């Protein structure tokens, strides 16, 4: 019985659905966000373009959306946490004019449990 776990092949659609939900939430707040929003990031003068899940220039907002299911056994999902760590690292090297928002969802029976950090 699969309960609230998902196979890896289910995750891209789940992630895309979660991202659309986040985009709709911001739209209701009057903030229109563009998917795959690219800006230059880096700690030195040599910056590279990085795509964030959602973003806007006006207002200056960057959003990373991560939606994962957890293992039934309660194991620490180290690969998933590495993805989170990478996304948060990028937030640390973007221009301070951007408001950074991190949204994490736990997928479970077509419902999302949100963890929001701004």
PDB file of N, CA and C in Angstrom:
ATOM      1  N   UNK A   1       0.840  -1.179   0.000  1.00  0.00           N
ATOM      2  CA  UNK A   1       0.000   0.000   0.000  1.00  0.00           C
ATOM      3  C   UNK A   1       0.882   1.238   0.000  1.00  0.00           C
ATOM      4  N   UNK A   2       0.581   2.208  -0.853  1.00  0.00           N
ATOM      5  CA  UNK A   2       1.459   3.356  -1.040  1.00  0.00           C
ATOM      6  C   UNK A   2       1.197   4.485  -0.078  1.00  0.00           C
ATOM      7  N   UNK A   3       0.075   4.531   0.570  1.00  0.00           N
ATOM      8  CA  UNK A   3      -0.221   5.598   1.529  1.00  0.00           C
ATOM      9  C   UNK A   3       0.048   6.951   0.894  1.00  0.00           C
ATOM     10  N   UNK A   4       0.913   7.781   1.539  1.00  0.00           N
ATOM     11  CA  UNK A   4       1.161   9.105   0.967  1.00  0.00           C
ATOM     12  C   UNK A   4       2.544   9.205   0.331  1.00  0.00           C
ATOM     13  N   UNK A   5       3.147   8.076  -0.037  1.00  0.00           N
ATOM     14  CA  UNK A   5       4.437   8.115  -0.708  1.00  0.00           C
ATOM     15  C   UNK A   5       4.222   8.113  -2.211  1.00  0.00           C
ATOM     16  N   UNK A   6       5.236   8.548  -2.934  1.00  0.00           N
ATOM     17  CA  UNK A   6       5.146   8.594  -4.385  1.00  0.00           C
ATOM     18  C   UNK A   6       6.396   8.029  -5.004  1.00  0.00           C
ATOM     19  N   UNK A   7       6.254   7.448  -6.158  1.00  0.00           N
ATOM     20  CA  UNK A   7       7.421   7.029  -6.918  1.00  0.00           C
ATOM     21  C   UNK A   7       8.086   8.271  -7.504  1.00  0.00           C
ATOM     22  N   UNK A   8       9.367   8.159  -7.829  1.00  0.00           N
ATOM     23  CA  UNK A   8      10.090   9.301  -8.376  1.00  0.00           C
ATOM     24  C   UNK A   8       9.439   9.851  -9.629  1.00  0.00           C
ATOM     25  N   UNK A   9       8.823   9.015 -10.440  1.00  0.00           N
ATOM     26  CA  UNK A   9       8.220   9.488 -11.681  1.00  0.00           C
ATOM     27  C   UNK A   9       7.019  10.396 -11.413  1.00  0.00           C
ATOM     28  N   UNK A  10       6.444  10.352 -10.217  1.00  0.00           N
ATOM     29  CA  UNK A  10       5.316  11.213  -9.877  1.00  0.00           C
ATOM     30  C   UNK A  10       5.764  12.610  -9.468  1.00  0.00           C
ATOM     31  N   UNK A  11       6.988  12.774  -9.024  1.00  0.00           N
ATOM     32  CA  UNK A  11       7.434  14.034  -8.448  1.00  0.00           C
ATOM     33  C   UNK A  11       7.436  15.233  -9.393  1.00  0.00           C
ATOM     34  N   UNK A  12       7.850  15.112 -10.664  1.00  0.00           N
ATOM     35  CA  UNK A  12       7.831  16.302 -11.518  1.00  0.00           C
ATOM     36  C   UNK A  12       6.442  16.920 -11.652  1.00  0.00           C
ATOM     37  N   UNK A  13       5.421  16.109 -11.837  1.00  0.00           N
ATOM     38  CA  UNK A  13       4.061  16.645 -11.946  1.00  0.00           C
ATOM     39  C   UNK A  13       3.610  17.248 -10.621  1.00  0.00           C
ATOM     40  N   UNK A  14       3.912  16.571  -9.528  1.00  0.00           N
ATOM     41  CA  UNK A  14       3.545  17.078  -8.213  1.00  0.00           C
ATOM     42  C   UNK A  14       4.227  18.413  -7.959  1.00  0.00           C
ATOM     43  N   UNK A  15       5.508  18.502  -8.299  1.00  0.00           N
ATOM     44  CA  UNK A  15       6.246  19.754  -8.122  1.00  0.00           C
ATOM     45  C   UNK A  15       5.675  20.868  -8.979  1.00  0.00           C
ATOM     46  N   UNK A  16       5.326  20.554 -10.219  1.00  0.00           N
ATOM     47  CA  UNK A  16       4.755  21.566 -11.116  1.00  0.00           C
ATOM     48  C   UNK A  16       3.391  22.042 -10.608  1.00  0.00           C
ATOM     49  N   UNK A  17       2.583  21.117 -10.111  1.00  0.00           N
ATOM     50  CA  UNK A  17       1.277  21.492  -9.557  1.00  0.00           C
ATOM     51  C   UNK A  17       1.448  22.380  -8.327  1.00  0.00           C
ATOM     52  N   UNK A  18       2.411  22.031  -7.477  1.00  0.00           N
ATOM     53  CA  UNK A  18       2.679  22.830  -6.279  1.00  0.00           C
ATOM     54  C   UNK A  18       3.136  24.231  -6.672  1.00  0.00           C
ATOM     55  N   UNK A  19       4.021  24.326  -7.656  1.00  0.00           N
ATOM     56  CA  UNK A  19       4.508  25.627  -8.119  1.00  0.00           C
ATOM     57  C   UNK A  19       3.359  26.482  -8.646  1.00  0.00           C
ATOM     58  N   UNK A  20       2.445  25.876  -9.387  1.00  0.00           N
ATOM     59  CA  UNK A  20       1.278  26.613  -9.891  1.00  0.00           C
ATOM     60  C   UNK A  20       0.403  27.106  -8.733  1.00  0.00           C
ATOM     61  N   UNK A  21       0.267  26.297  -7.689  1.00  0.00           N
ATOM     62  CA  UNK A  21      -0.508  26.712  -6.511  1.00  0.00           C
ATOM     63  C   UNK A  21       0.141  27.907  -5.827  1.00  0.00           C
ATOM     64  N   UNK A  22       1.462  27.875  -5.724  1.00  0.00           N
ATOM     65  CA  UNK A  22       2.199  28.987  -5.116  1.00  0.00           C
ATOM     66  C   UNK A  22       2.049  30.241  -5.967  1.00  0.00           C
ATOM     67  N   UNK A  23       2.172  30.099  -7.279  1.00  0.00           N
ATOM     68  CA  UNK A  23       2.021  31.236  -8.185  1.00  0.00           C
ATOM     69  C   UNK A  23       0.622  31.843  -8.062  1.00  0.00           C
ATOM     70  N   UNK A  24      -0.395  30.998  -7.972  1.00  0.00           N
ATOM     71  CA  UNK A  24      -1.770  31.484  -7.806  1.00  0.00           C
ATOM     72  C   UNK A  24      -1.947  32.209  -6.471  1.00  0.00           C
ATOM     73  N   UNK A  25      -1.323  31.699  -5.411  1.00  0.00           N
ATOM     74  CA  UNK A  25      -1.394  32.355  -4.109  1.00  0.00           C
ATOM     75  C   UNK A  25      -0.821  33.761  -4.185  1.00  0.00           C
ATOM     76  N   UNK A  26       0.360  33.905  -4.774  1.00  0.00           N
ATOM     77  CA  UNK A  26       0.969  35.229  -4.893  1.00  0.00           C
ATOM     78  C   UNK A  26       0.120  36.143  -5.767  1.00  0.00           C
ATOM     79  N   UNK A  27      -0.469  35.608  -6.843  1.00  0.00           N
ATOM     80  CA  UNK A  27      -1.319  36.414  -7.718  1.00  0.00           C
ATOM     81  C   UNK A  27      -2.502  36.997  -6.950  1.00  0.00           C
ATOM     82  N   UNK A  28      -3.066  36.207  -6.031  1.00  0.00           N
ATOM     83  CA  UNK A  28      -4.171  36.706  -5.213  1.00  0.00           C
ATOM     84  C   UNK A  28      -3.722  37.835  -4.298  1.00  0.00           C
ATOM     85  N   UNK A  29      -2.417  37.876  -3.997  1.00  0.00           N
ATOM     86  CA  UNK A  29      -1.863  38.949  -3.167  1.00  0.00           C
ATOM     87  C   UNK A  29      -1.443  40.146  -4.025  1.00  0.00           C
ATOM     88  N   UNK A  30      -1.657  40.057  -5.332  1.00  0.00           N
ATOM     89  CA  UNK A  30      -1.302  41.142  -6.241  1.00  0.00           C
ATOM     90  C   UNK A  30       0.125  41.089  -6.764  1.00  0.00           C
ATOM     91  N   UNK A  31       0.800  39.961  -6.580  1.00  0.00           N
ATOM     92  CA  UNK A  31       2.181  39.813  -7.040  1.00  0.00           C
ATOM     93  C   UNK A  31       2.199  38.797  -8.189  1.00  0.00           C
ATOM     94  N   UNK A  32       2.497  39.282  -9.384  1.00  0.00           N
ATOM     95  CA  UNK A  32       2.547  38.421 -10.562  1.00  0.00           C
ATOM     96  C   UNK A  32       3.969  37.887 -10.694  1.00  0.00           C
ATOM     97  N   UNK A  33       4.095  36.577 -10.649  1.00  0.00           N
ATOM     98  CA  UNK A  33       5.404  35.929 -10.717  1.00  0.00           C
ATOM     99  C   UNK A  33       5.575  35.183 -12.031  1.00  0.00           C
ATOM    100  N   UNK A  34       6.777  35.221 -12.564  1.00  0.00           N
ATOM    101  CA  UNK A  34       7.125  34.551 -13.808  1.00  0.00           C
ATOM    102  C   UNK A  34       7.841  33.242 -13.494  1.00  0.00           C
ATOM    103  N   UNK A  35       7.420  32.135 -14.108  1.00  0.00           N
ATOM    104  CA  UNK A  35       8.141  30.865 -13.905  1.00  0.00           C
ATOM    105  C   UNK A  35       9.540  30.928 -14.525  1.00  0.00           C
ATOM    106  N   UNK A  36      10.466  30.151 -13.960  1.00  0.00           N
ATOM    107  CA  UNK A  36      11.845  30.070 -14.465  1.00  0.00           C
ATOM    108  C   UNK A  36      12.470  31.457 -14.595  1.00  0.00           C
ATOM    109  N   UNK A  37      12.346  32.240 -13.549  1.00  0.00           N
ATOM    110  CA  UNK A  37      12.831  33.620 -13.527  1.00  0.00           C
ATOM    111  C   UNK A  37      14.351  33.637 -13.332  1.00  0.00           C
ATOM    112  N   UNK A  38      15.075  34.221 -14.286  1.00  0.00           N
ATOM    113  CA  UNK A  38      16.539  34.217 -14.244  1.00  0.00           C
ATOM    114  C   UNK A  38      17.100  35.559 -13.813  1.00  0.00           C
ATOM    115  N   UNK A  39      18.088  35.505 -12.915  1.00  0.00           N
ATOM    116  CA  UNK A  39      18.840  36.692 -12.533  1.00  0.00           C
ATOM    117  C   UNK A  39      20.302  36.286 -12.339  1.00  0.00           C
ATOM    118  N   UNK A  40      21.223  37.261 -12.450  1.00  0.00           N
ATOM    119  CA  UNK A  40      22.620  36.939 -12.179  1.00  0.00           C
ATOM    120  C   UNK A  40      22.853  36.773 -10.680  1.00  0.00           C
ATOM    121  N   UNK A  41      23.562  35.719 -10.303  1.00  0.00           N
ATOM    122  CA  UNK A  41      23.894  35.480  -8.897  1.00  0.00           C
ATOM    123  C   UNK A  41      25.375  35.162  -8.775  1.00  0.00           C
ATOM    124  N   UNK A  42      25.913  35.471  -7.617  1.00  0.00           N
ATOM    125  CA  UNK A  42      27.308  35.165  -7.341  1.00  0.00           C
ATOM    126  C   UNK A  42      27.833  36.032  -6.227  1.00  0.00           C
ATOM    127  N   UNK A  43      28.911  35.576  -5.598  1.00  0.00           N
ATOM    128  CA  UNK A  43      29.497  36.286  -4.472  1.00  0.00           C
ATOM    129  C   UNK A  43      30.568  37.274  -4.915  1.00  0.00           C
ATOM    130  N   UNK A  44      30.955  37.253  -6.185  1.00  0.00           N
ATOM    131  CA  UNK A  44      31.984  38.166  -6.675  1.00  0.00           C
ATOM    132  C   UNK A  44      31.425  38.958  -7.853  1.00  0.00           C
ATOM    133  N   UNK A  45      32.304  39.682  -8.532  1.00  0.00           N
ATOM    134  CA  UNK A  45      31.862  40.436  -9.709  1.00  0.00           C
ATOM    135  C   UNK A  45      31.496  39.518 -10.870  1.00  0.00           C
ATOM    136  N   UNK A  46      32.013  38.306 -10.851  1.00  0.00           N
ATOM    137  CA  UNK A  46      31.717  37.321 -11.883  1.00  0.00           C
ATOM    138  C   UNK A  46      30.442  36.569 -11.499  1.00  0.00           C
ATOM    139  N   UNK A  47      29.335  36.961 -12.083  1.00  0.00           N
ATOM    140  CA  UNK A  47      28.046  36.357 -11.746  1.00  0.00           C
ATOM    141  C   UNK A  47      27.547  35.510 -12.919  1.00  0.00           C
ATOM    142  N   UNK A  48      26.735  34.516 -12.602  1.00  0.00           N
ATOM    143  CA  UNK A  48      26.135  33.653 -13.617  1.00  0.00           C
ATOM    144  C   UNK A  48      24.630  33.690 -13.469  1.00  0.00           C
ATOM    145  N   UNK A  49      23.932  33.479 -14.584  1.00  0.00           N
ATOM    146  CA  UNK A  49      22.472  33.440 -14.536  1.00  0.00           C
ATOM    147  C   UNK A  49      22.011  32.184 -13.808  1.00  0.00           C
ATOM    148  N   UNK A  50      21.029  32.363 -12.949  1.00  0.00           N
ATOM    149  CA  UNK A  50      20.423  31.257 -12.197  1.00  0.00           C
ATOM    150  C   UNK A  50      18.921  31.372 -12.333  1.00  0.00           C
ATOM    151  N   UNK A  51      18.265  30.279 -12.678  1.00  0.00           N
ATOM    152  CA  UNK A  51      16.808  30.262 -12.779  1.00  0.00           C
ATOM    153  C   UNK A  51      16.222  29.913 -11.420  1.00  0.00           C
ATOM    154  N   UNK A  52      15.328  30.774 -10.944  1.00  0.00           N
ATOM    155  CA  UNK A  52      14.541  30.481  -9.747  1.00  0.00           C
ATOM    156  C   UNK A  52      13.178  29.997 -10.212  1.00  0.00           C
ATOM    157  N   UNK A  53      12.500  29.240  -9.367  1.00  0.00           N
ATOM    158  CA  UNK A  53      11.210  28.673  -9.771  1.00  0.00           C
ATOM    159  C   UNK A  53      10.234  29.755 -10.202  1.00  0.00           C
ATOM    160  N   UNK A  54      10.155  30.819  -9.435  1.00  0.00           N
ATOM    161  CA  UNK A  54       9.268  31.944  -9.732  1.00  0.00           C
ATOM    162  C   UNK A  54       9.985  33.232  -9.366  1.00  0.00           C
ATOM    163  N   UNK A  55       9.630  34.327 -10.027  1.00  0.00           N
ATOM    164  CA  UNK A  55      10.251  35.596  -9.660  1.00  0.00           C
ATOM    165  C   UNK A  55       9.613  36.773 -10.359  1.00  0.00           C
ATOM    166  N   UNK A  56      10.025  37.951  -9.900  1.00  0.00           N
ATOM    167  CA  UNK A  56       9.502  39.200 -10.440  1.00  0.00           C
ATOM    168  C   UNK A  56      10.535  40.297 -10.212  1.00  0.00           C
ATOM    169  N   UNK A  57      10.594  41.258 -11.130  1.00  0.00           N
ATOM    170  CA  UNK A  57      11.444  42.442 -10.947  1.00  0.00           C
ATOM    171  C   UNK A  57      10.723  43.519 -10.143  1.00  0.00           C
ATOM    172  N   UNK A  58       9.400  43.630 -10.330  1.00  0.00           N
ATOM    173  CA  UNK A  58       8.641  44.679  -9.646  1.00  0.00           C
ATOM    174  C   UNK A  58       7.312  44.113  -9.172  1.00  0.00           C
ATOM    175  N   UNK A  59       7.220  43.767  -7.894  1.00  0.00           N
ATOM    176  CA  UNK A  59       8.233  43.906  -6.851  1.00  0.00           C
ATOM    177  C   UNK A  59       9.334  42.861  -7.023  1.00  0.00           C
ATOM    178  N   UNK A  60      10.501  43.154  -6.467  1.00  0.00           N
ATOM    179  CA  UNK A  60      11.652  42.267  -6.581  1.00  0.00           C
ATOM    180  C   UNK A  60      11.477  41.081  -5.628  1.00  0.00           C
ATOM    181  N   UNK A  61      11.038  39.957  -6.201  1.00  0.00           N
ATOM    182  CA  UNK A  61      10.730  38.765  -5.404  1.00  0.00           C
ATOM    183  C   UNK A  61      11.318  37.536  -6.102  1.00  0.00           C
ATOM    184  N   UNK A  62      11.919  36.662  -5.315  1.00  0.00           N
ATOM    185  CA  UNK A  62      12.380  35.360  -5.805  1.00  0.00           C
ATOM    186  C   UNK A  62      11.732  34.275  -4.969  1.00  0.00           C
ATOM    187  N   UNK A  63      11.287  33.210  -5.631  1.00  0.00           N
ATOM    188  CA  UNK A  63      10.608  32.124  -4.927  1.00  0.00           C
ATOM    189  C   UNK A  63      11.193  30.793  -5.379  1.00  0.00           C
ATOM    190  N   UNK A  64      11.499  29.962  -4.419  1.00  0.00           N
ATOM    191  CA  UNK A  64      11.870  28.572  -4.685  1.00  0.00           C
ATOM    192  C   UNK A  64      10.769  27.701  -4.087  1.00  0.00           C
ATOM    193  N   UNK A  65      10.262  26.758  -4.862  1.00  0.00           N
ATOM    194  CA  UNK A  65       9.195  25.855  -4.441  1.00  0.00           C
ATOM    195  C   UNK A  65       9.737  24.431  -4.441  1.00  0.00           C
ATOM    196  N   UNK A  66       9.616  23.773  -3.330  1.00  0.00           N
ATOM    197  CA  UNK A  66      10.038  22.376  -3.248  1.00  0.00           C
ATOM    198  C   UNK A  66       8.903  21.566  -2.646  1.00  0.00           C
ATOM    199  N   UNK A  67       8.485  20.552  -3.362  1.00  0.00           N
ATOM    200  CA  UNK A  67       7.403  19.693  -2.879  1.00  0.00           C
ATOM    201  C   UNK A  67       7.902  18.262  -2.913  1.00  0.00           C
ATOM    202  N   UNK A  68       8.023  17.678  -1.746  1.00  0.00           N
ATOM    203  CA  UNK A  68       8.551  16.323  -1.639  1.00  0.00           C
ATOM    204  C   UNK A  68       7.621  15.462  -0.799  1.00  0.00           C
ATOM    205  N   UNK A  69       7.664  14.191  -1.068  1.00  0.00           N
ATOM    206  CA  UNK A  69       7.007  13.234  -0.192  1.00  0.00           C
ATOM    207  C   UNK A  69       8.087  12.607   0.673  1.00  0.00           C
ATOM    208  N   UNK A  70       7.716  12.145   1.841  1.00  0.00           N
ATOM    209  CA  UNK A  70       8.677  11.538   2.753  1.00  0.00           C
ATOM    210  C   UNK A  70       8.559  10.028   2.700  1.00  0.00           C
ATOM    211  N   UNK A  71       9.573   9.363   3.168  1.00  0.00           N
ATOM    212  CA  UNK A  71       9.545   7.910   3.199  1.00  0.00           C
ATOM    213  C   UNK A  71       8.605   7.435   4.302  1.00  0.00           C
ATOM    214  N   UNK A  72       8.020   6.286   4.108  1.00  0.00           N
ATOM    215  CA  UNK A  72       7.111   5.710   5.098  1.00  0.00           C
ATOM    216  C   UNK A  72       7.845   5.437   6.403  1.00  0.00           C
ATOM    217  N   UNK A  73       9.098   4.986   6.297  1.00  0.00           N
ATOM    218  CA  UNK A  73       9.876   4.641   7.485  1.00  0.00           C
ATOM    219  C   UNK A  73      10.392   5.828   8.271  1.00  0.00           C
ATOM    220  N   UNK A  74      10.179   7.042   7.757  1.00  0.00           N
ATOM    221  CA  UNK A  74      10.626   8.227   8.478  1.00  0.00           C
ATOM    222  C   UNK A  74      12.115   8.505   8.355  1.00  0.00           C
ATOM    223  N   UNK A  75      12.763   7.897   7.368  1.00  0.00           N
ATOM    224  CA  UNK A  75      14.190   8.135   7.160  1.00  0.00           C
ATOM    225  C   UNK A  75      14.444   9.581   6.765  1.00  0.00           C
ATOM    226  N   UNK A  76      15.618  10.084   7.093  1.00  0.00           N
ATOM    227  CA  UNK A  76      16.018  11.419   6.686  1.00  0.00           C
ATOM    228  C   UNK A  76      16.245  11.422   5.176  1.00  0.00           C
ATOM    229  N   UNK A  77      15.530  12.276   4.437  1.00  0.00           N
ATOM    230  CA  UNK A  77      15.668  12.292   2.975  1.00  0.00           C
ATOM    231  C   UNK A  77      16.880  13.136   2.562  1.00  0.00           C
ATOM    232  N   UNK A  78      18.091  12.596   2.722  1.00  0.00           N
ATOM    233  CA  UNK A  78      19.310  13.381   2.535  1.00  0.00           C
ATOM    234  C   UNK A  78      19.435  13.977   1.135  1.00  0.00           C
ATOM    235  N   UNK A  79      19.045  13.274   0.092  1.00  0.00           N
ATOM    236  CA  UNK A  79      19.139  13.830  -1.261  1.00  0.00           C
ATOM    237  C   UNK A  79      18.205  15.028  -1.413  1.00  0.00           C
ATOM    238  N   UNK A  80      17.009  14.930  -0.850  1.00  0.00           N
ATOM    239  CA  UNK A  80      16.063  16.044  -0.918  1.00  0.00           C
ATOM    240  C   UNK A  80      16.573  17.236  -0.122  1.00  0.00           C
ATOM    241  N   UNK A  81      17.163  16.974   1.019  1.00  0.00           N
ATOM    242  CA  UNK A  81      17.700  18.063   1.839  1.00  0.00           C
ATOM    243  C   UNK A  81      18.883  18.736   1.154  1.00  0.00           C
ATOM    244  N   UNK A  82      19.637  18.009   0.365  1.00  0.00           N
ATOM    245  CA  UNK A  82      20.743  18.595  -0.396  1.00  0.00           C
ATOM    246  C   UNK A  82      20.206  19.582  -1.435  1.00  0.00           C
ATOM    247  N   UNK A  83      19.074  19.240  -2.061  1.00  0.00           N
ATOM    248  CA  UNK A  83      18.435  20.140  -3.026  1.00  0.00           C
ATOM    249  C   UNK A  83      17.982  21.413  -2.313  1.00  0.00           C
ATOM    250  N   UNK A  84      17.417  21.272  -1.120  1.00  0.00           N
ATOM    251  CA  UNK A  84      16.992  22.436  -0.339  1.00  0.00           C
ATOM    252  C   UNK A  84      18.196  23.299   0.009  1.00  0.00           C
ATOM    253  N   UNK A  85      19.281  22.666   0.419  1.00  0.00           N
ATOM    254  CA  UNK A  85      20.493  23.382   0.804  1.00  0.00           C
ATOM    255  C   UNK A  85      21.038  24.203  -0.369  1.00  0.00           C
ATOM    256  N   UNK A  86      21.045  23.607  -1.551  1.00  0.00           N
ATOM    257  CA  UNK A  86      21.522  24.303  -2.741  1.00  0.00           C
ATOM    258  C   UNK A  86      20.663  25.535  -3.039  1.00  0.00           C
ATOM    259  N   UNK A  87      19.353  25.376  -2.976  1.00  0.00           N
ATOM    260  CA  UNK A  87      18.453  26.501  -3.250  1.00  0.00           C
ATOM    261  C   UNK A  87      18.668  27.633  -2.244  1.00  0.00           C
ATOM    262  N   UNK A  88      18.840  27.288  -0.987  1.00  0.00           N
ATOM    263  CA  UNK A  88      19.057  28.309   0.039  1.00  0.00           C
ATOM    264  C   UNK A  88      20.415  28.981  -0.137  1.00  0.00           C
ATOM    265  N   UNK A  89      21.411  28.255  -0.615  1.00  0.00           N
ATOM    266  CA  UNK A  89      22.708  28.857  -0.901  1.00  0.00           C
ATOM    267  C   UNK A  89      22.567  29.937  -1.970  1.00  0.00           C
ATOM    268  N   UNK A  90      21.798  29.668  -3.008  1.00  0.00           N
ATOM    269  CA  UNK A  90      21.587  30.681  -4.051  1.00  0.00           C
ATOM    270  C   UNK A  90      20.919  31.931  -3.480  1.00  0.00           C
ATOM    271  N   UNK A  91      19.985  31.754  -2.565  1.00  0.00           N
ATOM    272  CA  UNK A  91      19.367  32.921  -1.930  1.00  0.00           C
ATOM    273  C   UNK A  91      20.413  33.788  -1.232  1.00  0.00           C
ATOM    274  N   UNK A  92      21.454  33.173  -0.707  1.00  0.00           N
ATOM    275  CA  UNK A  92      22.451  33.931   0.054  1.00  0.00           C
ATOM    276  C   UNK A  92      23.357  34.787  -0.829  1.00  0.00           C
ATOM    277  N   UNK A  93      23.348  34.551  -2.139  1.00  0.00           N
ATOM    278  CA  UNK A  93      24.233  35.314  -3.021  1.00  0.00           C
ATOM    279  C   UNK A  93      23.480  36.133  -4.072  1.00  0.00           C
ATOM    280  N   UNK A  94      22.205  36.391  -3.842  1.00  0.00           N
ATOM    281  CA  UNK A  94      21.457  37.269  -4.749  1.00  0.00           C
ATOM    282  C   UNK A  94      21.495  38.693  -4.196  1.00  0.00           C
ATOM    283  N   UNK A  95      21.173  39.623  -5.048  1.00  0.00           N
ATOM    284  CA  UNK A  95      21.122  41.025  -4.646  1.00  0.00           C
ATOM    285  C   UNK A  95      20.159  41.199  -3.479  1.00  0.00           C
ATOM    286  N   UNK A  96      20.530  42.058  -2.549  1.00  0.00           N
ATOM    287  CA  UNK A  96      19.689  42.278  -1.361  1.00  0.00           C
ATOM    288  C   UNK A  96      18.381  42.984  -1.696  1.00  0.00           C
ATOM    289  N   UNK A  97      18.238  43.490  -2.902  1.00  0.00           N
ATOM    290  CA  UNK A  97      16.972  44.149  -3.269  1.00  0.00           C
ATOM    291  C   UNK A  97      15.829  43.146  -3.442  1.00  0.00           C
ATOM    292  N   UNK A  98      16.183  41.867  -3.618  1.00  0.00           N
ATOM    293  CA  UNK A  98      15.161  40.838  -3.795  1.00  0.00           C
ATOM    294  C   UNK A  98      14.684  40.302  -2.452  1.00  0.00           C
ATOM    295  N   UNK A  99      13.379  40.156  -2.346  1.00  0.00           N
ATOM    296  CA  UNK A  99      12.797  39.442  -1.205  1.00  0.00           C
ATOM    297  C   UNK A  99      12.795  37.971  -1.587  1.00  0.00           C
ATOM    298  N   UNK A 100      13.367  37.153  -0.734  1.00  0.00           N
ATOM    299  CA  UNK A 100      13.472  35.721  -0.999  1.00  0.00           C
ATOM    300  C   UNK A 100      12.379  34.976  -0.251  1.00  0.00           C
ATOM    301  N   UNK A 101      11.701  34.107  -0.948  1.00  0.00           N
ATOM    302  CA  UNK A 101      10.667  33.286  -0.321  1.00  0.00           C
ATOM    303  C   UNK A 101      10.915  31.823  -0.643  1.00  0.00           C
ATOM    304  N   UNK A 102      10.908  31.031   0.392  1.00  0.00           N
ATOM    305  CA  UNK A 102      11.107  29.587   0.281  1.00  0.00           C
ATOM    306  C   UNK A 102       9.789  28.928   0.647  1.00  0.00           C
ATOM    307  N   UNK A 103       9.235  28.137  -0.229  1.00  0.00           N
ATOM    308  CA  UNK A 103       8.005  27.416   0.070  1.00  0.00           C
ATOM    309  C   UNK A 103       8.237  25.933  -0.125  1.00  0.00           C
ATOM    310  N   UNK A 104       7.942  25.207   0.910  1.00  0.00           N
ATOM    311  CA  UNK A 104       8.094  23.765   0.859  1.00  0.00           C
ATOM    312  C   UNK A 104       6.735  23.142   1.113  1.00  0.00           C
ATOM    313  N   UNK A 105       6.421  22.142   0.348  1.00  0.00           N
ATOM    314  CA  UNK A 105       5.163  21.445   0.533  1.00  0.00           C
ATOM    315  C   UNK A 105       5.389  19.963   0.686  1.00  0.00           C
ATOM    316  N   UNK A 106       4.600  19.352   1.514  1.00  0.00           N
ATOM    317  CA  UNK A 106       4.611  17.899   1.644  1.00  0.00           C
ATOM    318  C   UNK A 106       3.410  17.375   0.885  1.00  0.00           C
ATOM    319  N   UNK A 107       3.669  16.583  -0.114  1.00  0.00           N
ATOM    320  CA  UNK A 107       2.585  16.046  -0.933  1.00  0.00           C
ATOM    321  C   UNK A 107       1.908  14.904  -0.199  1.00  0.00           C
ATOM    322  N   UNK A 108       0.593  14.974  -0.143  1.00  0.00           N
ATOM    323  CA  UNK A 108      -0.167  13.916   0.510  1.00  0.00           C
ATOM    324  C   UNK A 108      -1.597  13.951   0.014  1.00  0.00           C
ATOM    325  N   UNK A 109      -1.979  12.952  -0.740  1.00  0.00           N
ATOM    326  CA  UNK A 109      -3.364  12.802  -1.209  1.00  0.00           C
ATOM    327  C   UNK A 109      -3.935  14.101  -1.783  1.00  0.00           C
ATOM    328  N   UNK A 110      -3.181  14.706  -2.712  1.00  0.00           N
ATOM    329  CA  UNK A 110      -3.604  15.930  -3.405  1.00  0.00           C
ATOM    330  C   UNK A 110      -3.769  17.127  -2.476  1.00  0.00           C
ATOM    331  N   UNK A 111      -3.160  17.087  -1.328  1.00  0.00           N
ATOM    332  CA  UNK A 111      -3.154  18.232  -0.426  1.00  0.00           C
ATOM    333  C   UNK A 111      -1.712  18.607  -0.185  1.00  0.00           C
ATOM    334  N   UNK A 112      -1.497  19.849   0.170  1.00  0.00           N
ATOM    335  CA  UNK A 112      -0.142  20.322   0.447  1.00  0.00           C
ATOM    336  C   UNK A 112      -0.075  20.867   1.853  1.00  0.00           C
ATOM    337  N   UNK A 113       0.966  20.517   2.542  1.00  0.00           N
ATOM    338  CA  UNK A 113       1.277  21.111   3.835  1.00  0.00           C
ATOM    339  C   UNK A 113       2.387  22.101   3.552  1.00  0.00           C
ATOM    340  N   UNK A 114       2.182  23.382   3.842  1.00  0.00           N
ATOM    341  CA  UNK A 114       3.132  24.420   3.473  1.00  0.00           C
ATOM    342  C   UNK A 114       4.049  24.771   4.633  1.00  0.00           C
ATOM    343  N   UNK A 115       5.300  24.989   4.305  1.00  0.00           N
ATOM    344  CA  UNK A 115       6.280  25.580   5.204  1.00  0.00           C
ATOM    345  C   UNK A 115       6.811  26.779   4.440  1.00  0.00           C
ATOM    346  N   UNK A 116       6.616  27.961   4.984  1.00  0.00           N
ATOM    347  CA  UNK A 116       6.984  29.176   4.274  1.00  0.00           C
ATOM    348  C   UNK A 116       8.041  29.927   5.062  1.00  0.00           C
ATOM    349  N   UNK A 117       9.101  30.319   4.383  1.00  0.00           N
ATOM    350  CA  UNK A 117      10.133  31.150   4.985  1.00  0.00           C
ATOM    351  C   UNK A 117      10.413  32.308   4.044  1.00  0.00           C
ATOM    352  N   UNK A 118      10.413  33.501   4.565  1.00  0.00           N
ATOM    353  CA  UNK A 118      10.709  34.670   3.724  1.00  0.00           C
ATOM    354  C   UNK A 118      11.856  35.448   4.316  1.00  0.00           C
TER     355      UNK A 118
END
